[in-house]
Amino acid sequence: MHLRTKGRFFAPKYQAIGATWNITEVGELSISWGKYGNYEMEIKDPSTRYFEGNAVGDKANWRKMKLARPFSTAEMQLMDSEWMLEHPGGSFPVEFRADGFNHFICNQFPAHSHWRLENDESPTPTLNINWGKFGEYELVLAADGQTMAGSAKGQPDNWRRATRIKALADVEEAHVHDH
C-alpha cells in the first residue's frame, strides 16, 4: 500500500478510482478505497508507524499496517512528473501520474497506458511502461530521479532515454473508469 502525496492511496494489486487517505494529528488514519470500502485505523506505535483498524462499521474486517520504507528519491521524482522521452526518431513530452492506476500519458501518441516499478527498493528502480498499442518499455531510473535509460522490452537496440522536465501541479485521475 502506498500513502502518496495529496492524500492519494495506491495499492498495486487492488487499484481503485479516487482512493484517498487522511490522518489526524492524533494518528487516526482513514482510508477511502473505492470499491474495496472504507477503513479506519489508529496508530499503535508511532516510532514504527504501525496502525491497527478495521472496515468502517465492521470490527471483524480488521487490518494492520506498518511503514515498510519511505519512498526513494527516484520514486518521488517520478510520481506526478513530466519528462522528455527520446528515441531513435525524435523526442516528445510524457507524464507519469501517481493516480490510482499509475497512468502514463503521452498526448502526442495517446493510448491507455500505465507504469509500474520493479526492484523499487533499489535506489535505481526499473520502470516498466505498458503503452498499449505502442508496446512495452523498460527503463532504469537514476538514483537522483532526473534521468532514465532503457529500451523497448526485449529489444536492447531499440533504446529510449528520458530527462525529467518538472513536477506536475494538481493532477487528477487521467481517466474515470475502472480497470
N, C-alpha and C. Protein backbone atom coordinates (compact mmCIF):
# COMPACT_ATOMS: atom_id res chain seq x y z
N MET A 1 0.84 -1.16 0.00
CA MET A 1 0.00 0.00 0.00
C MET A 1 0.89 1.24 0.00
N HIS A 2 0.48 2.24 -0.74
CA HIS A 2 1.22 3.50 -0.76
C HIS A 2 0.33 4.61 -0.23
N LEU A 3 0.83 5.34 0.73
CA LEU A 3 0.19 6.58 1.16
C LEU A 3 0.94 7.68 0.42
N ARG A 4 0.40 8.07 -0.73
CA ARG A 4 1.07 9.03 -1.60
C ARG A 4 0.69 10.46 -1.23
N THR A 5 1.44 11.40 -1.80
CA THR A 5 1.18 12.81 -1.57
C THR A 5 -0.25 13.17 -1.99
N LYS A 6 -0.71 14.28 -1.50
CA LYS A 6 -2.02 14.83 -1.82
C LYS A 6 -3.15 13.89 -1.39
N GLY A 7 -2.87 13.02 -0.40
CA GLY A 7 -3.89 12.13 0.14
C GLY A 7 -4.32 11.02 -0.78
N ARG A 8 -3.49 10.65 -1.74
CA ARG A 8 -3.84 9.57 -2.67
C ARG A 8 -3.35 8.23 -2.13
N PHE A 9 -4.24 7.25 -2.15
CA PHE A 9 -3.97 5.90 -1.66
C PHE A 9 -3.81 4.99 -2.87
N PHE A 10 -2.76 4.17 -2.89
CA PHE A 10 -2.50 3.28 -4.01
C PHE A 10 -2.14 1.90 -3.51
N ALA A 11 -2.80 0.89 -4.05
CA ALA A 11 -2.50 -0.49 -3.74
C ALA A 11 -2.24 -1.20 -5.08
N PRO A 12 -1.00 -1.59 -5.36
CA PRO A 12 -0.67 -2.14 -6.67
C PRO A 12 -1.59 -3.28 -7.13
N LYS A 13 -1.98 -4.17 -6.23
CA LYS A 13 -2.81 -5.32 -6.63
C LYS A 13 -4.31 -5.05 -6.51
N TYR A 14 -4.68 -3.95 -5.85
CA TYR A 14 -6.10 -3.63 -5.62
C TYR A 14 -6.34 -2.15 -5.91
N GLN A 15 -6.21 -1.79 -7.18
CA GLN A 15 -6.34 -0.39 -7.57
C GLN A 15 -7.80 0.02 -7.63
N ALA A 16 -8.05 1.28 -7.24
CA ALA A 16 -9.43 1.79 -7.21
C ALA A 16 -9.45 3.27 -7.58
N ILE A 17 -10.47 3.65 -8.30
CA ILE A 17 -10.66 5.05 -8.69
C ILE A 17 -10.79 5.92 -7.45
N GLY A 18 -10.06 7.01 -7.44
CA GLY A 18 -10.21 8.02 -6.40
C GLY A 18 -9.92 7.58 -4.98
N ALA A 19 -9.12 6.52 -4.78
CA ALA A 19 -8.80 6.07 -3.43
C ALA A 19 -7.98 7.14 -2.71
N THR A 20 -8.36 7.45 -1.47
CA THR A 20 -7.70 8.51 -0.71
C THR A 20 -7.41 8.08 0.72
N TRP A 21 -6.56 8.85 1.39
CA TRP A 21 -6.27 8.64 2.80
C TRP A 21 -6.15 10.00 3.47
N ASN A 22 -6.35 9.98 4.79
CA ASN A 22 -6.21 11.18 5.60
C ASN A 22 -5.82 10.75 7.00
N ILE A 23 -4.96 11.54 7.64
CA ILE A 23 -4.56 11.23 9.01
C ILE A 23 -4.74 12.48 9.87
N THR A 24 -5.26 12.27 11.07
CA THR A 24 -5.44 13.38 12.00
C THR A 24 -4.15 13.60 12.80
N GLU A 25 -4.10 14.68 13.54
CA GLU A 25 -2.92 14.98 14.36
C GLU A 25 -2.69 13.94 15.45
N VAL A 26 -3.74 13.25 15.88
CA VAL A 26 -3.59 12.23 16.92
C VAL A 26 -3.36 10.83 16.35
N GLY A 27 -3.19 10.72 15.02
CA GLY A 27 -2.83 9.44 14.43
C GLY A 27 -3.99 8.56 14.03
N GLU A 28 -5.16 9.13 13.77
CA GLU A 28 -6.28 8.33 13.26
C GLU A 28 -6.25 8.41 11.75
N LEU A 29 -6.03 7.27 11.12
CA LEU A 29 -5.90 7.16 9.68
C LEU A 29 -7.23 6.69 9.09
N SER A 30 -7.73 7.41 8.09
CA SER A 30 -8.93 6.94 7.39
C SER A 30 -8.55 6.71 5.93
N ILE A 31 -9.05 5.62 5.40
CA ILE A 31 -8.78 5.24 4.01
C ILE A 31 -10.12 5.06 3.31
N SER A 32 -10.30 5.76 2.23
CA SER A 32 -11.47 5.58 1.36
C SER A 32 -10.95 4.88 0.11
N TRP A 33 -11.25 3.60 -0.03
CA TRP A 33 -10.63 2.73 -1.01
C TRP A 33 -11.58 2.35 -2.13
N GLY A 34 -12.46 3.24 -2.51
CA GLY A 34 -13.37 2.99 -3.62
C GLY A 34 -14.14 1.70 -3.45
N LYS A 35 -14.11 0.84 -4.47
CA LYS A 35 -14.89 -0.40 -4.46
C LYS A 35 -14.48 -1.37 -3.36
N TYR A 36 -13.33 -1.13 -2.68
CA TYR A 36 -12.87 -2.01 -1.61
C TYR A 36 -13.31 -1.56 -0.23
N GLY A 37 -13.99 -0.42 -0.15
CA GLY A 37 -14.56 0.02 1.12
C GLY A 37 -13.78 1.11 1.82
N ASN A 38 -14.26 1.46 3.01
CA ASN A 38 -13.66 2.50 3.83
C ASN A 38 -13.11 1.87 5.11
N TYR A 39 -11.96 2.36 5.53
CA TYR A 39 -11.28 1.80 6.69
C TYR A 39 -10.87 2.91 7.65
N GLU A 40 -10.87 2.56 8.95
CA GLU A 40 -10.38 3.48 9.97
C GLU A 40 -9.33 2.73 10.78
N MET A 41 -8.21 3.42 10.98
CA MET A 41 -7.09 2.79 11.66
C MET A 41 -6.53 3.77 12.69
N GLU A 42 -5.95 3.20 13.73
CA GLU A 42 -5.38 4.00 14.82
C GLU A 42 -3.90 3.67 14.93
N ILE A 43 -3.09 4.70 15.13
CA ILE A 43 -1.66 4.45 15.29
C ILE A 43 -1.43 3.80 16.66
N LYS A 44 -0.70 2.68 16.63
CA LYS A 44 -0.40 1.94 17.86
C LYS A 44 1.05 2.14 18.29
N ASP A 45 1.94 2.37 17.34
CA ASP A 45 3.35 2.60 17.65
C ASP A 45 3.88 3.66 16.69
N PRO A 46 3.93 4.91 17.14
CA PRO A 46 4.41 5.99 16.26
C PRO A 46 5.84 5.80 15.76
N SER A 47 6.70 5.17 16.55
CA SER A 47 8.10 5.03 16.13
C SER A 47 8.24 4.13 14.90
N THR A 48 7.37 3.13 14.75
CA THR A 48 7.42 2.25 13.58
C THR A 48 6.28 2.55 12.60
N ARG A 49 5.46 3.52 12.95
CA ARG A 49 4.27 3.88 12.14
C ARG A 49 3.39 2.65 11.92
N TYR A 50 3.10 1.98 13.01
CA TYR A 50 2.27 0.78 13.00
C TYR A 50 0.82 1.17 13.33
N PHE A 51 -0.10 0.73 12.47
CA PHE A 51 -1.52 1.02 12.63
C PHE A 51 -2.33 -0.27 12.73
N GLU A 52 -3.44 -0.22 13.46
CA GLU A 52 -4.42 -1.29 13.50
C GLU A 52 -5.80 -0.66 13.32
N GLY A 53 -6.68 -1.41 12.66
CA GLY A 53 -8.02 -0.89 12.47
C GLY A 53 -8.90 -1.89 11.76
N ASN A 54 -9.96 -1.37 11.13
CA ASN A 54 -10.95 -2.24 10.51
C ASN A 54 -11.76 -1.46 9.49
N ALA A 55 -12.59 -2.22 8.76
CA ALA A 55 -13.54 -1.59 7.86
C ALA A 55 -14.51 -0.79 8.71
N VAL A 56 -14.93 0.35 8.22
CA VAL A 56 -15.86 1.19 8.97
C VAL A 56 -17.13 0.38 9.26
N GLY A 57 -17.47 0.29 10.55
CA GLY A 57 -18.67 -0.42 10.97
C GLY A 57 -18.55 -1.93 11.02
N ASP A 58 -17.35 -2.48 10.81
CA ASP A 58 -17.18 -3.94 10.80
C ASP A 58 -15.85 -4.30 11.46
N LYS A 59 -15.84 -4.39 12.78
CA LYS A 59 -14.60 -4.67 13.51
C LYS A 59 -14.02 -6.05 13.19
N ALA A 60 -14.84 -6.97 12.69
CA ALA A 60 -14.33 -8.29 12.32
C ALA A 60 -13.49 -8.23 11.03
N ASN A 61 -13.66 -7.18 10.24
CA ASN A 61 -12.91 -7.00 9.00
C ASN A 61 -11.70 -6.12 9.31
N TRP A 62 -10.70 -6.69 10.02
CA TRP A 62 -9.58 -5.93 10.57
C TRP A 62 -8.43 -5.82 9.58
N ARG A 63 -7.58 -4.83 9.83
CA ARG A 63 -6.38 -4.58 9.04
C ARG A 63 -5.26 -4.14 9.98
N LYS A 64 -4.03 -4.44 9.58
CA LYS A 64 -2.83 -3.97 10.27
C LYS A 64 -1.90 -3.42 9.19
N MET A 65 -1.17 -2.37 9.55
CA MET A 65 -0.30 -1.75 8.57
C MET A 65 0.88 -1.09 9.28
N LYS A 66 2.08 -1.23 8.68
CA LYS A 66 3.26 -0.58 9.24
C LYS A 66 4.13 -0.10 8.09
N LEU A 67 4.83 0.98 8.32
CA LEU A 67 5.71 1.55 7.30
C LEU A 67 6.75 0.52 6.88
N ALA A 68 6.79 0.21 5.60
CA ALA A 68 7.82 -0.70 5.08
C ALA A 68 9.10 0.08 4.83
N ARG A 69 8.96 1.26 4.22
CA ARG A 69 10.10 2.12 3.92
C ARG A 69 9.58 3.43 3.34
N PRO A 70 10.37 4.49 3.45
CA PRO A 70 9.96 5.73 2.77
C PRO A 70 10.19 5.60 1.26
N PHE A 71 9.54 6.44 0.49
CA PHE A 71 9.77 6.46 -0.94
C PHE A 71 11.20 6.92 -1.21
N SER A 72 11.83 6.33 -2.22
CA SER A 72 13.18 6.75 -2.61
C SER A 72 13.11 8.07 -3.37
N THR A 73 14.25 8.70 -3.53
CA THR A 73 14.34 9.94 -4.31
C THR A 73 13.84 9.68 -5.73
N ALA A 74 14.27 8.57 -6.34
CA ALA A 74 13.84 8.26 -7.71
C ALA A 74 12.32 8.12 -7.78
N GLU A 75 11.71 7.43 -6.83
CA GLU A 75 10.24 7.28 -6.83
C GLU A 75 9.55 8.63 -6.70
N MET A 76 10.02 9.45 -5.78
CA MET A 76 9.40 10.76 -5.56
C MET A 76 9.52 11.65 -6.79
N GLN A 77 10.63 11.57 -7.49
CA GLN A 77 10.81 12.39 -8.68
C GLN A 77 9.97 11.89 -9.86
N LEU A 78 9.65 10.60 -9.87
CA LEU A 78 8.84 10.03 -10.95
C LEU A 78 7.36 10.37 -10.79
N MET A 79 6.86 10.28 -9.57
CA MET A 79 5.43 10.49 -9.33
C MET A 79 5.00 11.91 -9.69
N ASP A 80 3.94 12.00 -10.51
CA ASP A 80 3.38 13.29 -10.94
C ASP A 80 4.46 14.17 -11.56
N SER A 81 5.06 13.66 -12.64
CA SER A 81 6.15 14.39 -13.28
C SER A 81 6.02 14.36 -14.79
N GLU A 82 6.67 15.34 -15.43
CA GLU A 82 6.73 15.41 -16.88
C GLU A 82 8.18 15.19 -17.30
N TRP A 83 8.37 14.42 -18.36
CA TRP A 83 9.69 14.05 -18.85
C TRP A 83 9.76 14.27 -20.36
N MET A 84 10.97 14.48 -20.87
CA MET A 84 11.21 14.48 -22.31
C MET A 84 11.75 13.10 -22.66
N LEU A 85 10.97 12.34 -23.42
CA LEU A 85 11.34 10.97 -23.80
C LEU A 85 11.98 11.01 -25.18
N GLU A 86 13.17 10.45 -25.27
CA GLU A 86 13.90 10.40 -26.55
C GLU A 86 13.92 8.97 -27.07
N HIS A 87 13.90 8.85 -28.40
CA HIS A 87 14.02 7.56 -29.07
C HIS A 87 14.76 7.80 -30.39
N PRO A 88 15.09 6.76 -31.14
CA PRO A 88 15.90 6.96 -32.35
C PRO A 88 15.29 7.97 -33.35
N GLY A 89 13.98 8.15 -33.32
CA GLY A 89 13.34 9.04 -34.29
C GLY A 89 13.01 10.43 -33.78
N GLY A 90 13.32 10.75 -32.55
CA GLY A 90 12.99 12.08 -32.04
C GLY A 90 12.70 12.09 -30.55
N SER A 91 11.94 13.11 -30.11
CA SER A 91 11.60 13.22 -28.69
C SER A 91 10.27 13.94 -28.53
N PHE A 92 9.64 13.73 -27.36
CA PHE A 92 8.35 14.34 -27.04
C PHE A 92 8.11 14.22 -25.55
N PRO A 93 7.22 15.07 -24.99
CA PRO A 93 6.96 15.02 -23.54
C PRO A 93 5.99 13.89 -23.18
N VAL A 94 6.21 13.32 -21.99
CA VAL A 94 5.33 12.30 -21.42
C VAL A 94 5.13 12.62 -19.94
N GLU A 95 4.07 12.05 -19.36
CA GLU A 95 3.77 12.27 -17.94
C GLU A 95 3.60 10.94 -17.22
N PHE A 96 4.03 10.92 -15.95
CA PHE A 96 3.84 9.78 -15.07
C PHE A 96 2.95 10.25 -13.93
N ARG A 97 1.70 9.78 -13.92
CA ARG A 97 0.75 10.19 -12.89
C ARG A 97 0.80 9.21 -11.72
N ALA A 98 0.76 9.74 -10.51
CA ALA A 98 0.71 8.91 -9.30
C ALA A 98 -0.74 8.80 -8.85
N ASP A 99 -1.62 8.56 -9.80
CA ASP A 99 -3.04 8.43 -9.51
C ASP A 99 -3.35 7.00 -9.09
N GLY A 100 -4.59 6.65 -9.00
CA GLY A 100 -4.99 5.33 -8.52
C GLY A 100 -4.63 4.18 -9.44
N PHE A 101 -4.14 4.49 -10.66
CA PHE A 101 -3.81 3.44 -11.62
C PHE A 101 -2.44 3.62 -12.27
N ASN A 102 -1.63 4.56 -11.79
CA ASN A 102 -0.32 4.82 -12.37
C ASN A 102 -0.42 5.04 -13.88
N HIS A 103 -1.21 6.02 -14.27
CA HIS A 103 -1.36 6.30 -15.70
C HIS A 103 -0.10 6.94 -16.28
N PHE A 104 0.22 6.51 -17.50
CA PHE A 104 1.30 7.08 -18.30
C PHE A 104 0.61 7.84 -19.43
N ILE A 105 0.94 9.11 -19.57
CA ILE A 105 0.24 9.98 -20.52
C ILE A 105 1.22 10.49 -21.57
N CYS A 106 0.83 10.37 -22.83
CA CYS A 106 1.58 10.97 -23.93
C CYS A 106 0.55 11.55 -24.89
N ASN A 107 0.42 12.86 -24.91
CA ASN A 107 -0.57 13.49 -25.77
C ASN A 107 -0.26 13.32 -27.24
N GLN A 108 1.01 13.20 -27.60
CA GLN A 108 1.41 13.05 -28.99
C GLN A 108 1.10 11.65 -29.53
N PHE A 109 1.17 10.64 -28.65
CA PHE A 109 0.88 9.25 -29.03
C PHE A 109 -0.05 8.67 -27.97
N PRO A 110 -1.33 9.04 -28.00
CA PRO A 110 -2.25 8.61 -26.94
C PRO A 110 -2.59 7.13 -27.01
N ALA A 111 -2.66 6.53 -25.84
CA ALA A 111 -3.08 5.14 -25.68
C ALA A 111 -3.40 4.96 -24.20
N HIS A 112 -4.21 3.96 -23.89
CA HIS A 112 -4.49 3.66 -22.48
C HIS A 112 -3.23 2.99 -21.94
N SER A 113 -2.47 3.73 -21.13
CA SER A 113 -1.13 3.30 -20.73
C SER A 113 -0.91 3.43 -19.24
N HIS A 114 -0.03 2.57 -18.73
CA HIS A 114 0.27 2.52 -17.30
C HIS A 114 1.76 2.32 -17.08
N TRP A 115 2.22 2.68 -15.87
CA TRP A 115 3.60 2.44 -15.48
C TRP A 115 3.61 1.70 -14.15
N ARG A 116 4.72 1.00 -13.90
CA ARG A 116 4.95 0.36 -12.61
C ARG A 116 6.44 0.24 -12.39
N LEU A 117 6.80 0.13 -11.13
CA LEU A 117 8.22 -0.02 -10.79
C LEU A 117 8.51 -1.44 -10.34
N GLU A 118 9.63 -1.96 -10.77
CA GLU A 118 10.18 -3.22 -10.28
C GLU A 118 11.46 -2.89 -9.54
N ASN A 119 11.85 -3.77 -8.64
CA ASN A 119 13.09 -3.54 -7.88
C ASN A 119 13.02 -2.17 -7.21
N ASP A 120 11.82 -1.84 -6.69
CA ASP A 120 11.60 -0.49 -6.16
C ASP A 120 12.32 -0.21 -4.84
N GLU A 121 12.92 -1.23 -4.25
CA GLU A 121 13.71 -0.98 -3.04
C GLU A 121 15.13 -0.55 -3.38
N SER A 122 15.49 -0.65 -4.65
CA SER A 122 16.80 -0.20 -5.11
C SER A 122 16.78 1.31 -5.30
N PRO A 123 17.92 1.98 -5.12
CA PRO A 123 17.95 3.41 -5.41
C PRO A 123 17.77 3.70 -6.90
N THR A 124 17.96 2.66 -7.75
CA THR A 124 17.79 2.80 -9.20
C THR A 124 16.77 1.76 -9.68
N PRO A 125 15.48 1.99 -9.41
CA PRO A 125 14.46 1.01 -9.80
C PRO A 125 14.25 0.94 -11.31
N THR A 126 13.67 -0.17 -11.75
CA THR A 126 13.33 -0.34 -13.16
C THR A 126 11.89 0.09 -13.38
N LEU A 127 11.70 0.98 -14.33
CA LEU A 127 10.39 1.48 -14.70
C LEU A 127 9.87 0.68 -15.88
N ASN A 128 8.68 0.12 -15.73
CA ASN A 128 8.03 -0.59 -16.83
C ASN A 128 6.87 0.27 -17.31
N ILE A 129 6.81 0.48 -18.61
CA ILE A 129 5.72 1.23 -19.22
C ILE A 129 4.97 0.30 -20.15
N ASN A 130 3.67 0.15 -19.92
CA ASN A 130 2.81 -0.57 -20.84
C ASN A 130 2.05 0.50 -21.61
N TRP A 131 2.47 0.75 -22.84
CA TRP A 131 1.98 1.85 -23.65
C TRP A 131 0.93 1.39 -24.65
N GLY A 132 0.15 0.41 -24.27
CA GLY A 132 -0.93 -0.06 -25.14
C GLY A 132 -0.40 -0.47 -26.51
N LYS A 133 -0.99 0.08 -27.57
CA LYS A 133 -0.63 -0.29 -28.95
C LYS A 133 0.80 0.10 -29.33
N PHE A 134 1.46 0.91 -28.51
CA PHE A 134 2.84 1.33 -28.80
C PHE A 134 3.89 0.46 -28.14
N GLY A 135 3.48 -0.57 -27.41
CA GLY A 135 4.42 -1.53 -26.87
C GLY A 135 4.76 -1.36 -25.39
N GLU A 136 5.73 -2.16 -24.96
CA GLU A 136 6.19 -2.14 -23.57
C GLU A 136 7.65 -1.73 -23.53
N TYR A 137 8.00 -1.01 -22.46
CA TYR A 137 9.34 -0.44 -22.33
C TYR A 137 9.86 -0.65 -20.92
N GLU A 138 11.18 -0.81 -20.81
CA GLU A 138 11.85 -0.95 -19.52
C GLU A 138 12.99 0.05 -19.47
N LEU A 139 12.95 0.92 -18.46
CA LEU A 139 14.00 1.92 -18.29
C LEU A 139 14.44 1.93 -16.84
N VAL A 140 15.70 2.16 -16.59
CA VAL A 140 16.24 2.22 -15.24
C VAL A 140 16.34 3.69 -14.84
N LEU A 141 15.71 4.02 -13.71
CA LEU A 141 15.76 5.38 -13.19
C LEU A 141 17.09 5.63 -12.48
N ALA A 142 17.66 6.80 -12.70
CA ALA A 142 18.85 7.19 -11.95
C ALA A 142 18.45 7.44 -10.50
N ALA A 143 19.39 7.28 -9.58
CA ALA A 143 19.09 7.43 -8.15
C ALA A 143 18.58 8.82 -7.81
N ASP A 144 19.01 9.85 -8.55
CA ASP A 144 18.54 11.21 -8.27
C ASP A 144 17.19 11.51 -8.91
N GLY A 145 16.66 10.55 -9.68
CA GLY A 145 15.34 10.72 -10.29
C GLY A 145 15.28 11.75 -11.39
N GLN A 146 16.40 12.09 -12.01
CA GLN A 146 16.41 13.12 -13.04
C GLN A 146 16.55 12.57 -14.45
N THR A 147 17.00 11.32 -14.58
CA THR A 147 17.16 10.70 -15.90
C THR A 147 16.78 9.23 -15.81
N MET A 148 16.56 8.63 -16.97
CA MET A 148 16.32 7.19 -17.06
C MET A 148 16.78 6.74 -18.44
N ALA A 149 17.12 5.45 -18.57
CA ALA A 149 17.55 4.91 -19.85
C ALA A 149 17.17 3.44 -19.92
N GLY A 150 16.85 2.99 -21.13
CA GLY A 150 16.48 1.61 -21.35
C GLY A 150 16.09 1.39 -22.80
N SER A 151 15.08 0.53 -23.00
CA SER A 151 14.70 0.17 -24.36
C SER A 151 13.30 -0.40 -24.39
N ALA A 152 12.85 -0.67 -25.62
CA ALA A 152 11.63 -1.46 -25.78
C ALA A 152 11.91 -2.82 -25.15
N LYS A 153 10.92 -3.41 -24.51
CA LYS A 153 11.12 -4.67 -23.79
C LYS A 153 11.63 -5.75 -24.74
N GLY A 154 12.76 -6.35 -24.36
CA GLY A 154 13.36 -7.42 -25.15
C GLY A 154 14.07 -6.95 -26.41
N GLN A 155 14.21 -5.63 -26.59
CA GLN A 155 14.87 -5.08 -27.79
C GLN A 155 15.91 -4.04 -27.38
N PRO A 156 17.05 -4.46 -26.82
CA PRO A 156 18.03 -3.50 -26.30
C PRO A 156 18.53 -2.48 -27.33
N ASP A 157 18.49 -2.81 -28.62
CA ASP A 157 18.94 -1.85 -29.64
C ASP A 157 17.89 -0.77 -29.92
N ASN A 158 16.67 -0.98 -29.49
CA ASN A 158 15.58 -0.01 -29.68
C ASN A 158 15.51 0.85 -28.42
N TRP A 159 16.51 1.71 -28.24
CA TRP A 159 16.74 2.45 -27.00
C TRP A 159 15.71 3.55 -26.76
N ARG A 160 15.60 3.89 -25.48
CA ARG A 160 14.81 5.03 -25.01
C ARG A 160 15.59 5.66 -23.86
N ARG A 161 15.50 6.97 -23.73
CA ARG A 161 16.03 7.65 -22.56
C ARG A 161 15.15 8.86 -22.30
N ALA A 162 15.18 9.32 -21.07
CA ALA A 162 14.31 10.44 -20.71
C ALA A 162 15.00 11.31 -19.67
N THR A 163 14.62 12.58 -19.71
CA THR A 163 15.12 13.56 -18.76
C THR A 163 13.91 14.24 -18.13
N ARG A 164 13.95 14.36 -16.81
CA ARG A 164 12.84 14.98 -16.07
C ARG A 164 12.78 16.47 -16.40
N ILE A 165 11.57 16.94 -16.73
CA ILE A 165 11.35 18.35 -17.03
C ILE A 165 10.88 19.08 -15.78
N LYS A 166 9.83 18.52 -15.14
CA LYS A 166 9.25 19.22 -13.99
C LYS A 166 8.26 18.34 -13.26
N ALA A 167 7.89 18.80 -12.07
CA ALA A 167 6.79 18.19 -11.32
C ALA A 167 5.50 18.72 -11.91
N LEU A 168 4.45 17.91 -11.87
CA LEU A 168 3.14 18.33 -12.34
C LEU A 168 2.36 18.91 -11.16
N ALA A 169 1.75 20.02 -11.38
CA ALA A 169 0.90 20.62 -10.35
C ALA A 169 -0.46 19.93 -10.37
N ASP A 170 -1.17 19.94 -9.29
CA ASP A 170 -2.53 19.44 -9.13
C ASP A 170 -3.06 18.61 -10.30
N VAL A 171 -2.64 17.35 -10.35
CA VAL A 171 -3.13 16.44 -11.39
C VAL A 171 -4.29 15.63 -10.83
N GLU A 172 -5.16 15.23 -11.70
CA GLU A 172 -6.30 14.41 -11.32
C GLU A 172 -6.15 13.04 -11.97
N GLU A 173 -7.10 12.15 -11.68
CA GLU A 173 -7.09 10.86 -12.34
C GLU A 173 -7.10 11.08 -13.84
N ALA A 174 -6.28 10.33 -14.57
CA ALA A 174 -6.22 10.51 -16.01
C ALA A 174 -7.49 10.06 -16.70
N HIS A 175 -8.12 9.03 -16.19
CA HIS A 175 -9.35 8.50 -16.77
C HIS A 175 -10.28 8.13 -15.64
N VAL A 176 -11.55 8.36 -15.82
CA VAL A 176 -12.50 8.00 -14.78
C VAL A 176 -13.24 6.73 -15.17
N HIS A 177 -12.52 5.63 -15.17
CA HIS A 177 -13.08 4.32 -15.44
C HIS A 177 -12.39 3.31 -14.55
N ASP A 178 -13.00 2.19 -14.41
CA ASP A 178 -12.41 1.14 -13.60
C ASP A 178 -11.54 0.28 -14.50
N HIS A 179 -10.60 -0.43 -13.90
CA HIS A 179 -9.69 -1.27 -14.65
C HIS A 179 -9.93 -2.72 -14.35
